[in-house]
Amino acid sequence: MKRFHVHVSVADLPASIRYYSALFAAEPTVVRDDYAKWALDDPRVNFAISTRTQKPGVDHLGIQVETDAELAEMQARLASADLPLQSQSGTNCCYATSNKHWSVDPTGIAWESFQTLGAAPTYGESRDRSADTAACCVPVQLNTAPKQTAGPACCTPESGCC
């Protein structure tokens, strides 16, 4: 069975852990100095937060699978649509070793389809050696999506519509 994945970059990890633990009515299943993750069944989501990137907010989204066949199915969906795709085997990221396929949606949001193979002792390191960030959970050379040129979002907490 597949599990939706959300990775959010946060500025204050302890405050964020407190917030999301209350929201989910559950403590994280993994906690490190720079990272926390909830593997929830209701809703079925792998929700992770970290202080590894410079800009707070949604870092990337994904689909976590349980089997090789499910991962191959996800890769085939993206490949058959002729979308940009980057595959990795046995990569170490987010304190886990995984096989994964990355793509980027038309708005520039990174998506990963991945199968976790086991735990890893380190967060990982950037695959983009020229980057100033230690983020490992981003695709390299896939950001072919058009940049949004619209003005600010119409629905913000300040506008009162949310």
C-alpha atoms as a PDB file:
ATOM      1  CA  MET A   1       0.000   0.000   0.000  1.00  0.00           C
ATOM      2  CA  LYS A   2       1.260   3.447  -0.863  1.00  0.00           C
ATOM      3  CA  ARG A   3       1.712   6.304   1.610  1.00  0.00           C
ATOM      4  CA  PHE A   4       1.628  10.021   0.759  1.00  0.00           C
ATOM      5  CA  HIS A   5       4.854  11.856   1.688  1.00  0.00           C
ATOM      6  CA  VAL A   6       5.273  15.505   2.666  1.00  0.00           C
ATOM      7  CA  HIS A   7       8.593  17.099   3.658  1.00  0.00           C
ATOM      8  CA  VAL A   8       8.420  20.572   5.206  1.00  0.00           C
ATOM      9  CA  SER A   9      11.419  22.744   5.975  1.00  0.00           C
ATOM     10  CA  VAL A  10      11.072  24.432   9.365  1.00  0.00           C
ATOM     11  CA  ALA A  11      13.015  27.120  11.219  1.00  0.00           C
ATOM     12  CA  ASP A  12      12.345  25.877  14.770  1.00  0.00           C
ATOM     13  CA  LEU A  13      12.395  22.092  15.057  1.00  0.00           C
ATOM     14  CA  PRO A  14      11.262  21.757  18.733  1.00  0.00           C
ATOM     15  CA  ALA A  15       8.329  24.142  18.216  1.00  0.00           C
ATOM     16  CA  SER A  16       7.381  22.339  14.996  1.00  0.00           C
ATOM     17  CA  ILE A  17       7.569  18.924  16.665  1.00  0.00           C
ATOM     18  CA  ARG A  18       5.278  20.212  19.417  1.00  0.00           C
ATOM     19  CA  TYR A  19       2.828  21.630  16.848  1.00  0.00           C
ATOM     20  CA  TYR A  20       2.668  18.571  14.577  1.00  0.00           C
ATOM     21  CA  SER A  21       2.530  16.153  17.525  1.00  0.00           C
ATOM     22  CA  ALA A  22      -0.594  17.992  18.704  1.00  0.00           C
ATOM     23  CA  LEU A  23      -2.054  18.157  15.182  1.00  0.00           C
ATOM     24  CA  PHE A  24      -1.515  14.435  14.549  1.00  0.00           C
ATOM     25  CA  ALA A  25      -2.182  13.339  18.168  1.00  0.00           C
ATOM     26  CA  ALA A  26       1.041  11.323  17.898  1.00  0.00           C
ATOM     27  CA  GLU A  27       4.711  11.658  18.673  1.00  0.00           C
ATOM     28  CA  PRO A  28       7.225  11.408  15.797  1.00  0.00           C
ATOM     29  CA  THR A  29       8.512   7.950  14.901  1.00  0.00           C
ATOM     30  CA  VAL A  30      11.987   9.384  14.173  1.00  0.00           C
ATOM     31  CA  VAL A  31      13.639  12.362  15.876  1.00  0.00           C
ATOM     32  CA  ARG A  32      17.152  13.690  15.196  1.00  0.00           C
ATOM     33  CA  ASP A  33      18.812  17.042  15.923  1.00  0.00           C
ATOM     34  CA  ASP A  34      17.723  18.388  12.513  1.00  0.00           C
ATOM     35  CA  TYR A  35      14.837  16.121  11.495  1.00  0.00           C
ATOM     36  CA  ALA A  36      11.598  14.480  12.647  1.00  0.00           C
ATOM     37  CA  LYS A  37       9.180  12.133  10.904  1.00  0.00           C
ATOM     38  CA  TRP A  38       5.693  10.803  11.584  1.00  0.00           C
ATOM     39  CA  ALA A  39       4.603   7.564   9.875  1.00  0.00           C
ATOM     40  CA  LEU A  40       0.856   7.922  10.288  1.00  0.00           C
ATOM     41  CA  ASP A  41      -1.929   5.533   9.367  1.00  0.00           C
ATOM     42  CA  ASP A  42      -4.760   8.053   9.771  1.00  0.00           C
ATOM     43  CA  PRO A  43      -4.235   9.853   7.494  1.00  0.00           C
ATOM     44  CA  ARG A  44      -1.814   7.462   5.768  1.00  0.00           C
ATOM     45  CA  VAL A  45       1.130   9.836   5.392  1.00  0.00           C
ATOM     46  CA  ASN A  46       4.897   9.954   5.877  1.00  0.00           C
ATOM     47  CA  PHE A  47       5.220  13.507   7.204  1.00  0.00           C
ATOM     48  CA  ALA A  48       8.760  14.798   7.726  1.00  0.00           C
ATOM     49  CA  ILE A  49      10.192  18.104   8.892  1.00  0.00           C
ATOM     50  CA  SER A  50      13.781  19.297   8.930  1.00  0.00           C
ATOM     51  CA  THR A  51      15.963  22.350   9.347  1.00  0.00           C
ATOM     52  CA  ARG A  52      18.167  21.313   6.409  1.00  0.00           C
ATOM     53  CA  THR A  53      17.090  23.891   3.816  1.00  0.00           C
ATOM     54  CA  GLN A  54      17.275  27.663   3.889  1.00  0.00           C
ATOM     55  CA  LYS A  55      13.659  28.471   3.036  1.00  0.00           C
ATOM     56  CA  PRO A  56      10.856  27.293   5.369  1.00  0.00           C
ATOM     57  CA  GLY A  57       7.841  25.727   3.707  1.00  0.00           C
ATOM     58  CA  VAL A  58       6.977  22.672   1.641  1.00  0.00           C
ATOM     59  CA  ASP A  59      10.277  21.206   0.473  1.00  0.00           C
ATOM     60  CA  HIS A  60       8.943  18.329  -1.620  1.00  0.00           C
ATOM     61  CA  LEU A  61       6.092  15.822  -1.914  1.00  0.00           C
ATOM     62  CA  GLY A  62       6.072  12.168  -2.761  1.00  0.00           C
ATOM     63  CA  ILE A  63       4.628   8.694  -2.732  1.00  0.00           C
ATOM     64  CA  GLN A  64       6.259   6.061  -0.515  1.00  0.00           C
ATOM     65  CA  VAL A  65       5.792   2.494  -1.754  1.00  0.00           C
ATOM     66  CA  GLU A  66       6.347  -0.840  -0.046  1.00  0.00           C
ATOM     67  CA  THR A  67       7.486  -3.078  -2.914  1.00  0.00           C
ATOM     68  CA  ASP A  68       9.791  -3.109  -5.945  1.00  0.00           C
ATOM     69  CA  ALA A  69       6.723  -3.638  -8.141  1.00  0.00           C
ATOM     70  CA  GLU A  70       4.997  -0.516  -6.778  1.00  0.00           C
ATOM     71  CA  LEU A  71       8.148   1.546  -7.332  1.00  0.00           C
ATOM     72  CA  ALA A  72       8.451   0.251 -10.898  1.00  0.00           C
ATOM     73  CA  GLU A  73       4.778   1.158 -11.452  1.00  0.00           C
ATOM     74  CA  MET A  74       5.387   4.733 -10.254  1.00  0.00           C
ATOM     75  CA  GLN A  75       8.458   5.054 -12.500  1.00  0.00           C
ATOM     76  CA  ALA A  76       6.520   3.695 -15.479  1.00  0.00           C
ATOM     77  CA  ARG A  77       3.716   6.246 -14.967  1.00  0.00           C
ATOM     78  CA  LEU A  78       6.157   9.154 -15.130  1.00  0.00           C
ATOM     79  CA  ALA A  79       8.205   7.677 -17.967  1.00  0.00           C
ATOM     80  CA  SER A  80       5.126   6.925 -20.083  1.00  0.00           C
ATOM     81  CA  ALA A  81       4.052  10.567 -19.779  1.00  0.00           C
ATOM     82  CA  ASP A  82       7.513  11.581 -21.046  1.00  0.00           C
ATOM     83  CA  LEU A  83       8.186  13.624 -17.902  1.00  0.00           C
ATOM     84  CA  PRO A  84      11.674  14.515 -16.630  1.00  0.00           C
ATOM     85  CA  LEU A  85      12.826  11.727 -14.349  1.00  0.00           C
ATOM     86  CA  GLN A  86      15.883  11.028 -12.225  1.00  0.00           C
ATOM     87  CA  SER A  87      16.361   7.588 -10.670  1.00  0.00           C
ATOM     88  CA  GLN A  88      18.552   6.641  -7.713  1.00  0.00           C
ATOM     89  CA  SER A  89      19.355   3.291  -6.148  1.00  0.00           C
ATOM     90  CA  GLY A  90      20.485   2.798  -2.581  1.00  0.00           C
ATOM     91  CA  THR A  91      20.674   6.522  -1.863  1.00  0.00           C
ATOM     92  CA  ASN A  92      21.124   7.789   1.706  1.00  0.00           C
ATOM     93  CA  CYS A  93      18.744  10.621   2.554  1.00  0.00           C
ATOM     94  CA  CYS A  94      16.644  11.665   5.541  1.00  0.00           C
ATOM     95  CA  TYR A  95      18.238   9.041   7.798  1.00  0.00           C
ATOM     96  CA  ALA A  96      17.093   6.280   5.432  1.00  0.00           C
ATOM     97  CA  THR A  97      18.444   4.282   2.516  1.00  0.00           C
ATOM     98  CA  SER A  98      16.018   4.252  -0.411  1.00  0.00           C
ATOM     99  CA  ASN A  99      15.515   3.543  -4.074  1.00  0.00           C
ATOM    100  CA  LYS A 100      13.717   6.480  -5.658  1.00  0.00           C
ATOM    101  CA  HIS A 101      12.590   8.305  -8.772  1.00  0.00           C
ATOM    102  CA  TRP A 102      12.381  12.121  -8.830  1.00  0.00           C
ATOM    103  CA  SER A 103      10.301  14.356 -11.042  1.00  0.00           C
ATOM    104  CA  VAL A 104       9.224  17.989 -10.970  1.00  0.00           C
ATOM    105  CA  ASP A 105       5.648  19.105 -11.591  1.00  0.00           C
ATOM    106  CA  PRO A 106       4.771  22.029 -13.906  1.00  0.00           C
ATOM    107  CA  THR A 107       4.851  24.496 -10.998  1.00  0.00           C
ATOM    108  CA  GLY A 108       8.354  23.414  -9.939  1.00  0.00           C
ATOM    109  CA  ILE A 109       7.415  21.206  -6.961  1.00  0.00           C
ATOM    110  CA  ALA A 110       9.772  18.253  -6.560  1.00  0.00           C
ATOM    111  CA  TRP A 111       8.079  14.844  -6.274  1.00  0.00           C
ATOM    112  CA  GLU A 112       9.760  11.627  -5.221  1.00  0.00           C
ATOM    113  CA  SER A 113       8.498   8.084  -5.567  1.00  0.00           C
ATOM    114  CA  PHE A 114      10.506   5.944  -3.177  1.00  0.00           C
ATOM    115  CA  GLN A 115      10.893   2.647  -1.387  1.00  0.00           C
ATOM    116  CA  THR A 116      12.649   2.769   1.986  1.00  0.00           C
ATOM    117  CA  LEU A 117      15.150  -0.063   2.343  1.00  0.00           C
ATOM    118  CA  GLY A 118      16.335   0.659   5.887  1.00  0.00           C
ATOM    119  CA  ALA A 119      17.618   3.223   8.365  1.00  0.00           C
ATOM    120  CA  ALA A 120      20.820   5.229   7.839  1.00  0.00           C
ATOM    121  CA  PRO A 121      22.997   6.822  10.541  1.00  0.00           C
ATOM    122  CA  THR A 122      23.299  10.193   8.769  1.00  0.00           C
ATOM    123  CA  TYR A 123      20.889  12.595   7.106  1.00  0.00           C
ATOM    124  CA  GLY A 124      22.747  12.340   3.799  1.00  0.00           C
ATOM    125  CA  GLU A 125      24.441  14.911   1.666  1.00  0.00           C
ATOM    126  CA  SER A 126      23.549  17.059  -1.295  1.00  0.00           C
ATOM    127  CA  ARG A 127      23.767  15.365  -4.672  1.00  0.00           C
ATOM    128  CA  ASP A 128      24.387  18.807  -6.136  1.00  0.00           C
ATOM    129  CA  ARG A 129      27.972  19.418  -5.026  1.00  0.00           C
ATOM    130  CA  SER A 130      27.778  23.068  -6.130  1.00  0.00           C
ATOM    131  CA  ALA A 131      24.884  23.805  -3.782  1.00  0.00           C
ATOM    132  CA  ASP A 132      25.364  25.692  -0.528  1.00  0.00           C
ATOM    133  CA  THR A 133      22.777  23.498   1.166  1.00  0.00           C
ATOM    134  CA  ALA A 134      23.085  20.108   2.797  1.00  0.00           C
ATOM    135  CA  ALA A 135      19.692  19.060   1.444  1.00  0.00           C
ATOM    136  CA  CYS A 136      19.727  15.634  -0.125  1.00  0.00           C
ATOM    137  CA  CYS A 137      16.042  15.356  -0.841  1.00  0.00           C
ATOM    138  CA  VAL A 138      15.878  17.362  -4.026  1.00  0.00           C
ATOM    139  CA  PRO A 139      16.322  16.279  -7.633  1.00  0.00           C
ATOM    140  CA  VAL A 140      19.325  17.598  -9.525  1.00  0.00           C
ATOM    141  CA  GLN A 141      18.922  19.053 -13.043  1.00  0.00           C
ATOM    142  CA  LEU A 142      15.221  18.298 -13.261  1.00  0.00           C
ATOM    143  CA  ASN A 143      13.808  21.735 -12.593  1.00  0.00           C
ATOM    144  CA  THR A 144      12.494  22.191 -16.116  1.00  0.00           C
ATOM    145  CA  ALA A 145       9.135  23.501 -14.975  1.00  0.00           C
ATOM    146  CA  PRO A 146       8.176  27.033 -15.971  1.00  0.00           C
ATOM    147  CA  LYS A 147       8.611  29.658 -13.293  1.00  0.00           C
ATOM    148  CA  GLN A 148       5.419  31.160 -11.923  1.00  0.00           C
ATOM    149  CA  THR A 149       5.164  34.848 -12.703  1.00  0.00           C
ATOM    150  CA  ALA A 150       1.857  35.583 -11.002  1.00  0.00           C
ATOM    151  CA  GLY A 151       1.610  38.000  -8.109  1.00  0.00           C
ATOM    152  CA  PRO A 152       1.274  36.959  -4.468  1.00  0.00           C
ATOM    153  CA  ALA A 153      -1.091  34.193  -3.515  1.00  0.00           C
ATOM    154  CA  CYS A 154      -4.667  35.334  -3.044  1.00  0.00           C
ATOM    155  CA  CYS A 155      -5.316  33.084  -0.113  1.00  0.00           C
ATOM    156  CA  THR A 156      -3.064  33.739   2.852  1.00  0.00           C
ATOM    157  CA  PRO A 157      -3.758  33.737   6.572  1.00  0.00           C
ATOM    158  CA  GLU A 158      -3.415  37.539   6.449  1.00  0.00           C
ATOM    159  CA  SER A 159      -6.114  37.871   3.789  1.00  0.00           C
ATOM    160  CA  GLY A 160      -8.617  35.997   5.961  1.00  0.00           C
ATOM    161  CA  CYS A 161      -9.750  33.592   3.259  1.00  0.00           C
ATOM    162  CA  CYS A 162      -8.084  30.509   4.774  1.00  0.00           C
END
